[in-house]
Amino acid sequence: MSLRVPGPLPIRIAICNTECMTQIVTRIPNDLASQLDDLVERGVVESRSEAVRQGLRRLVDDDRRAQVAQEIVDGYRRIPQDDDDGLWSDSATIAMIAEEPW
């Protein structure tokens, strides 16, 4: 979904932050908060919020990739690869190499 908001950039950002994002409140251990603040101070991330967003994106992406990997494994378990499945690619590779004017 794309939200088009008229007006100056600061107003558009403020509206998008309230209309396009859900606020989540959580507690974290003090040592983790200190490490987070260190990342912000060193410029690794712009803010605590941005660090949390990046971490959540990575977590969601890692989970999605794990699900896809599991689906691939499940597919090969349902329909195992035959010994002949790779022969066509081996033959094609050998033919392409033979055509090279080394």
Protein backbone atom coordinates (compact mmCIF):
# COMPACT_ATOMS: atom_id res chain seq x y z
CA MET A 1 0.00 0.00 0.00
CA SER A 2 1.32 3.43 -0.94
CA LEU A 3 0.13 6.45 0.97
CA ARG A 4 0.48 9.79 -0.85
CA VAL A 5 0.50 12.67 1.59
CA PRO A 6 0.62 16.28 0.38
CA GLY A 7 2.65 18.99 2.05
CA PRO A 8 6.20 19.63 3.23
CA LEU A 9 8.46 16.67 3.95
CA PRO A 10 8.44 16.96 7.79
CA ILE A 11 4.63 16.91 7.80
CA ARG A 12 4.53 13.98 5.36
CA ILE A 13 6.98 12.03 7.53
CA ALA A 14 4.98 12.73 10.68
CA ILE A 15 1.74 11.63 9.02
CA CYS A 16 3.35 8.51 7.59
CA ASN A 17 4.81 7.62 11.00
CA THR A 18 1.33 7.74 12.51
CA GLU A 19 -0.56 6.24 9.56
CA CYS A 20 1.94 3.69 8.19
CA MET A 21 3.54 2.29 11.33
CA THR A 22 2.36 0.43 14.39
CA GLN A 23 3.90 1.42 17.69
CA ILE A 24 5.22 -1.44 19.82
CA VAL A 25 6.29 -0.86 23.41
CA THR A 26 8.63 -3.37 25.03
CA ARG A 27 11.17 -3.66 27.79
CA ILE A 28 14.75 -4.78 27.26
CA PRO A 29 17.55 -5.53 29.73
CA ASN A 30 19.69 -2.53 30.74
CA ASP A 31 22.86 -4.00 29.24
CA LEU A 32 21.13 -4.48 25.88
CA ALA A 33 19.86 -0.87 26.03
CA SER A 34 23.43 0.30 26.66
CA GLN A 35 24.70 -1.67 23.69
CA LEU A 36 21.89 -0.22 21.60
CA ASP A 37 22.79 3.31 22.69
CA ASP A 38 26.41 2.61 21.75
CA LEU A 39 25.30 1.65 18.22
CA VAL A 40 23.42 4.94 17.95
CA GLU A 41 26.34 6.98 19.34
CA ARG A 42 28.75 5.39 16.85
CA GLY A 43 26.36 6.08 13.97
CA VAL A 44 25.76 2.42 13.15
CA VAL A 45 22.03 3.18 13.31
CA GLU A 46 20.19 6.48 13.36
CA SER A 47 18.13 5.76 16.47
CA ARG A 48 17.00 3.08 18.88
CA SER A 49 13.82 2.72 16.86
CA GLU A 50 15.72 2.21 13.63
CA ALA A 51 17.90 -0.44 15.30
CA VAL A 52 14.79 -2.30 16.48
CA ARG A 53 13.23 -2.06 13.00
CA GLN A 54 16.41 -3.42 11.40
CA GLY A 55 16.57 -6.26 13.91
CA LEU A 56 12.94 -7.18 13.35
CA ARG A 57 13.36 -7.06 9.56
CA ARG A 58 16.32 -9.40 9.85
CA LEU A 59 14.42 -11.76 12.17
CA VAL A 60 11.42 -11.86 9.82
CA ASP A 61 13.66 -12.36 6.77
CA ASP A 62 15.64 -15.15 8.49
CA ASP A 63 12.40 -16.90 9.40
CA ARG A 64 11.05 -16.56 5.84
CA ARG A 65 14.27 -17.99 4.43
CA ALA A 66 14.14 -20.89 6.90
CA GLN A 67 10.56 -21.63 5.85
CA VAL A 68 11.51 -21.64 2.14
CA ALA A 69 14.49 -23.90 2.87
CA GLN A 70 12.25 -26.30 4.79
CA GLU A 71 9.76 -26.35 1.90
CA ILE A 72 12.59 -27.24 -0.50
CA VAL A 73 13.77 -30.05 1.81
CA ASP A 74 10.20 -31.32 2.17
CA GLY A 75 9.81 -31.29 -1.63
CA TYR A 76 12.94 -33.39 -2.11
CA ARG A 77 11.73 -35.79 0.59
CA ARG A 78 8.38 -36.16 -1.19
CA ILE A 79 10.00 -36.53 -4.62
CA PRO A 80 13.64 -37.57 -4.23
CA GLN A 81 16.13 -36.64 -6.93
CA ASP A 82 17.03 -39.48 -9.28
CA ASP A 83 20.60 -40.21 -10.32
CA ASP A 84 19.56 -39.27 -13.88
CA ASP A 85 18.27 -35.80 -12.87
CA GLY A 86 21.67 -34.16 -13.19
CA LEU A 87 22.78 -35.92 -16.37
CA TRP A 88 21.33 -33.33 -18.76
CA SER A 89 23.22 -30.50 -17.06
CA ASP A 90 26.44 -32.51 -16.97
CA SER A 91 26.10 -33.25 -20.69
CA ALA A 92 25.33 -29.61 -21.49
CA THR A 93 28.32 -28.41 -19.46
CA ILE A 94 30.66 -30.85 -21.19
CA ALA A 95 29.34 -29.70 -24.57
CA MET A 96 29.80 -26.00 -23.75
CA ILE A 97 33.35 -26.59 -22.55
CA ALA A 98 34.15 -28.56 -25.69
CA GLU A 99 32.92 -25.61 -27.81
CA GLU A 100 35.26 -23.13 -26.12
CA PRO A 101 38.19 -22.03 -28.32
CA TRP A 102 40.80 -22.41 -25.60
